[in-house]
N, C-alpha and C. Protein backbone atom coordinates (compact mmCIF):
# COMPACT_ATOMS: atom_id res chain seq x y z
N MET A 1 91.81 98.25 72.13
CA MET A 1 92.32 98.10 70.79
C MET A 1 93.76 97.60 70.86
N PHE A 2 94.14 96.74 69.96
CA PHE A 2 95.48 96.18 69.92
C PHE A 2 96.51 97.26 69.58
N VAL A 3 97.61 97.27 70.29
CA VAL A 3 98.71 98.20 70.04
C VAL A 3 99.86 97.42 69.44
N GLU A 4 100.29 97.83 68.25
CA GLU A 4 101.37 97.14 67.56
C GLU A 4 102.70 97.38 68.28
N ASN A 5 103.47 96.33 68.42
CA ASN A 5 104.79 96.38 69.05
C ASN A 5 105.80 96.78 67.97
N SER A 6 105.71 98.03 67.50
CA SER A 6 106.51 98.49 66.37
C SER A 6 107.63 99.42 66.82
N PRO A 7 108.67 99.58 65.99
CA PRO A 7 109.74 100.53 66.32
C PRO A 7 109.21 101.96 66.52
N GLU A 8 108.25 102.37 65.70
CA GLU A 8 107.68 103.72 65.84
C GLU A 8 107.00 103.88 67.19
N ASN A 9 106.19 102.91 67.59
CA ASN A 9 105.51 102.99 68.89
C ASN A 9 106.52 102.94 70.04
N LYS A 10 107.57 102.14 69.89
CA LYS A 10 108.61 102.08 70.93
C LYS A 10 109.29 103.43 71.10
N SER A 11 109.55 104.10 69.98
CA SER A 11 110.19 105.41 70.03
C SER A 11 109.31 106.43 70.76
N ILE A 12 108.03 106.44 70.44
CA ILE A 12 107.08 107.32 71.12
C ILE A 12 107.03 106.97 72.60
N CYS A 13 106.99 105.69 72.89
CA CYS A 13 106.88 105.21 74.26
C CYS A 13 108.06 105.64 75.12
N LYS A 14 109.25 105.69 74.56
CA LYS A 14 110.44 106.08 75.33
C LYS A 14 110.25 107.45 75.97
N GLN A 15 109.48 108.31 75.31
CA GLN A 15 109.24 109.65 75.83
C GLN A 15 108.31 109.63 77.04
N TYR A 16 107.50 108.60 77.17
CA TYR A 16 106.50 108.53 78.24
C TYR A 16 106.88 107.49 79.29
N CYS A 17 107.03 106.24 78.93
CA CYS A 17 107.45 105.21 79.89
C CYS A 17 108.85 105.52 80.40
N GLY A 18 109.67 106.09 79.56
CA GLY A 18 111.04 106.40 79.94
C GLY A 18 111.16 107.45 81.03
N THR A 19 110.12 108.25 81.23
CA THR A 19 110.13 109.28 82.28
C THR A 19 108.97 109.09 83.26
N CYS A 20 108.49 107.88 83.36
CA CYS A 20 107.34 107.57 84.23
C CYS A 20 107.72 107.73 85.71
N PRO A 21 106.85 108.38 86.50
CA PRO A 21 107.14 108.51 87.93
C PRO A 21 106.93 107.21 88.72
N SER A 22 106.25 106.24 88.15
CA SER A 22 106.00 104.97 88.84
C SER A 22 106.97 103.88 88.39
N TYR A 23 107.11 103.71 87.08
CA TYR A 23 108.03 102.69 86.55
C TYR A 23 109.42 103.31 86.42
N VAL A 24 110.31 102.92 87.30
CA VAL A 24 111.66 103.49 87.29
C VAL A 24 112.69 102.50 86.76
N GLY A 25 112.21 101.38 86.24
CA GLY A 25 113.11 100.38 85.68
C GLY A 25 113.63 100.82 84.33
N GLU A 26 114.45 99.97 83.74
CA GLU A 26 115.00 100.26 82.42
C GLU A 26 114.79 99.07 81.51
N GLY A 27 114.75 99.36 80.22
CA GLY A 27 114.72 98.29 79.24
C GLY A 27 113.36 97.93 78.71
N LYS A 28 112.37 97.78 79.56
CA LYS A 28 111.06 97.38 79.07
C LYS A 28 110.21 98.61 78.81
N LEU A 29 109.56 98.61 77.66
CA LEU A 29 108.68 99.70 77.26
C LEU A 29 107.42 99.12 76.63
N LEU A 30 106.52 99.98 76.26
CA LEU A 30 105.31 99.63 75.52
C LEU A 30 104.44 98.63 76.29
N PHE A 31 104.20 98.94 77.55
CA PHE A 31 103.38 98.07 78.40
C PHE A 31 101.96 97.92 77.85
N CYS A 32 101.47 98.92 77.11
CA CYS A 32 100.13 98.84 76.54
C CYS A 32 100.06 97.79 75.43
N SER A 33 101.21 97.38 74.89
CA SER A 33 101.27 96.34 73.88
C SER A 33 101.78 95.02 74.44
N ARG A 34 102.83 95.09 75.24
CA ARG A 34 103.52 93.88 75.71
C ARG A 34 102.99 93.33 77.02
N GLY A 35 102.23 94.13 77.75
CA GLY A 35 101.72 93.67 79.04
C GLY A 35 102.48 94.26 80.21
N ASN A 36 102.00 93.95 81.39
CA ASN A 36 102.54 94.55 82.60
C ASN A 36 103.85 93.92 83.04
N MET A 37 104.49 94.60 83.99
CA MET A 37 105.73 94.12 84.60
C MET A 37 105.39 93.08 85.65
N THR A 38 106.33 92.20 85.89
CA THR A 38 106.21 91.32 87.04
C THR A 38 106.91 92.02 88.19
N GLY A 39 106.49 91.75 89.38
CA GLY A 39 107.08 92.42 90.53
C GLY A 39 106.19 93.55 91.01
N THR A 40 106.70 94.30 91.97
CA THR A 40 105.93 95.36 92.60
C THR A 40 106.34 96.72 92.06
N ILE A 41 105.35 97.52 91.71
CA ILE A 41 105.57 98.89 91.29
C ILE A 41 104.67 99.77 92.16
N GLU A 42 105.26 100.77 92.78
CA GLU A 42 104.49 101.69 93.61
C GLU A 42 103.88 102.78 92.73
N LYS A 43 102.60 103.04 92.90
CA LYS A 43 101.92 104.07 92.12
C LYS A 43 102.35 105.46 92.59
N ASN A 44 103.08 106.16 91.72
CA ASN A 44 103.54 107.52 92.00
C ASN A 44 103.12 108.49 90.91
N GLY A 45 102.12 108.12 90.15
CA GLY A 45 101.66 108.94 89.03
C GLY A 45 101.73 108.13 87.74
N CYS A 46 100.91 108.53 86.78
CA CYS A 46 100.82 107.79 85.52
C CYS A 46 100.76 108.76 84.35
N LYS A 47 101.56 108.49 83.33
CA LYS A 47 101.60 109.32 82.13
C LYS A 47 100.94 108.63 80.93
N CYS A 48 100.39 107.44 81.14
CA CYS A 48 99.82 106.66 80.03
C CYS A 48 98.75 107.44 79.26
N GLY A 49 97.92 108.17 79.97
CA GLY A 49 96.83 108.90 79.32
C GLY A 49 97.28 110.02 78.41
N MET A 50 98.52 110.49 78.57
CA MET A 50 99.06 111.56 77.73
C MET A 50 99.86 111.02 76.55
N CYS A 51 100.08 109.73 76.52
CA CYS A 51 100.91 109.11 75.48
C CYS A 51 100.17 109.10 74.14
N PRO A 52 100.81 109.58 73.07
CA PRO A 52 100.17 109.57 71.75
C PRO A 52 99.74 108.17 71.30
N VAL A 53 100.47 107.13 71.70
CA VAL A 53 100.10 105.76 71.33
C VAL A 53 98.77 105.40 71.98
N ALA A 54 98.62 105.69 73.26
CA ALA A 54 97.38 105.39 73.97
C ALA A 54 96.22 106.21 73.41
N ILE A 55 96.48 107.47 73.09
CA ILE A 55 95.44 108.34 72.54
C ILE A 55 95.01 107.85 71.16
N GLU A 56 95.98 107.55 70.30
CA GLU A 56 95.67 107.07 68.94
C GLU A 56 94.84 105.79 68.96
N HIS A 57 95.14 104.91 69.91
CA HIS A 57 94.44 103.62 69.98
C HIS A 57 93.22 103.66 70.90
N LYS A 58 92.91 104.87 71.41
CA LYS A 58 91.73 105.07 72.26
C LYS A 58 91.71 104.11 73.44
N LEU A 59 92.85 104.00 74.12
CA LEU A 59 92.96 103.09 75.26
C LEU A 59 92.36 103.73 76.51
N ASP A 60 91.73 102.92 77.31
CA ASP A 60 91.17 103.36 78.58
C ASP A 60 92.13 103.00 79.70
N GLY A 61 92.00 103.71 80.80
CA GLY A 61 92.77 103.37 81.99
C GLY A 61 94.18 103.92 81.94
N GLY A 62 95.03 103.29 82.68
CA GLY A 62 96.42 103.71 82.80
C GLY A 62 97.17 102.70 83.64
N TYR A 63 98.33 103.09 84.08
CA TYR A 63 99.20 102.19 84.85
C TYR A 63 99.35 100.85 84.13
N TYR A 64 99.63 100.91 82.83
CA TYR A 64 99.80 99.68 82.05
C TYR A 64 101.00 98.87 82.55
N CYS A 65 101.96 99.55 83.19
CA CYS A 65 103.12 98.84 83.75
C CYS A 65 102.69 97.93 84.90
N ILE A 66 101.59 98.25 85.54
CA ILE A 66 101.08 97.45 86.66
C ILE A 66 99.99 96.49 86.20
N HIS A 67 99.04 97.00 85.41
CA HIS A 67 97.84 96.23 85.06
C HIS A 67 97.85 95.66 83.65
N GLY A 68 98.76 96.10 82.81
CA GLY A 68 98.68 95.74 81.41
C GLY A 68 97.58 96.55 80.74
N ASN A 69 97.23 96.21 79.53
CA ASN A 69 96.20 96.92 78.78
C ASN A 69 94.98 96.02 78.67
N LEU A 70 93.97 96.30 79.45
CA LEU A 70 92.76 95.48 79.42
C LEU A 70 92.08 95.53 78.07
N ASP A 71 92.22 96.66 77.34
CA ASP A 71 91.63 96.74 76.00
C ASP A 71 92.22 95.68 75.08
N THR A 72 93.52 95.44 75.16
CA THR A 72 94.18 94.43 74.34
C THR A 72 93.66 93.04 74.69
N LEU A 73 93.45 92.79 75.97
CA LEU A 73 92.97 91.48 76.40
C LEU A 73 91.55 91.22 75.94
N LEU A 74 90.76 92.29 75.78
CA LEU A 74 89.36 92.14 75.41
C LEU A 74 89.14 92.11 73.91
N ASP A 75 90.11 92.59 73.11
CA ASP A 75 89.96 92.60 71.64
C ASP A 75 89.98 91.20 71.08
């Protein structure tokens, strides 16, 4: 399902992407809406499944910082 790139979703995302054990970068958020990062990210755990945005939109998977959101690509 498509995730809106909205200020509300960004605010929620800061609580999850902002404390991600795998994505330690700064500035980019809302990978489930905007797509994955370029470059290498080491998998050290994923909080995507606990994010209210992902739950509300019934997103599958995780590690959106690495893989993006396949649900968005398929919609």
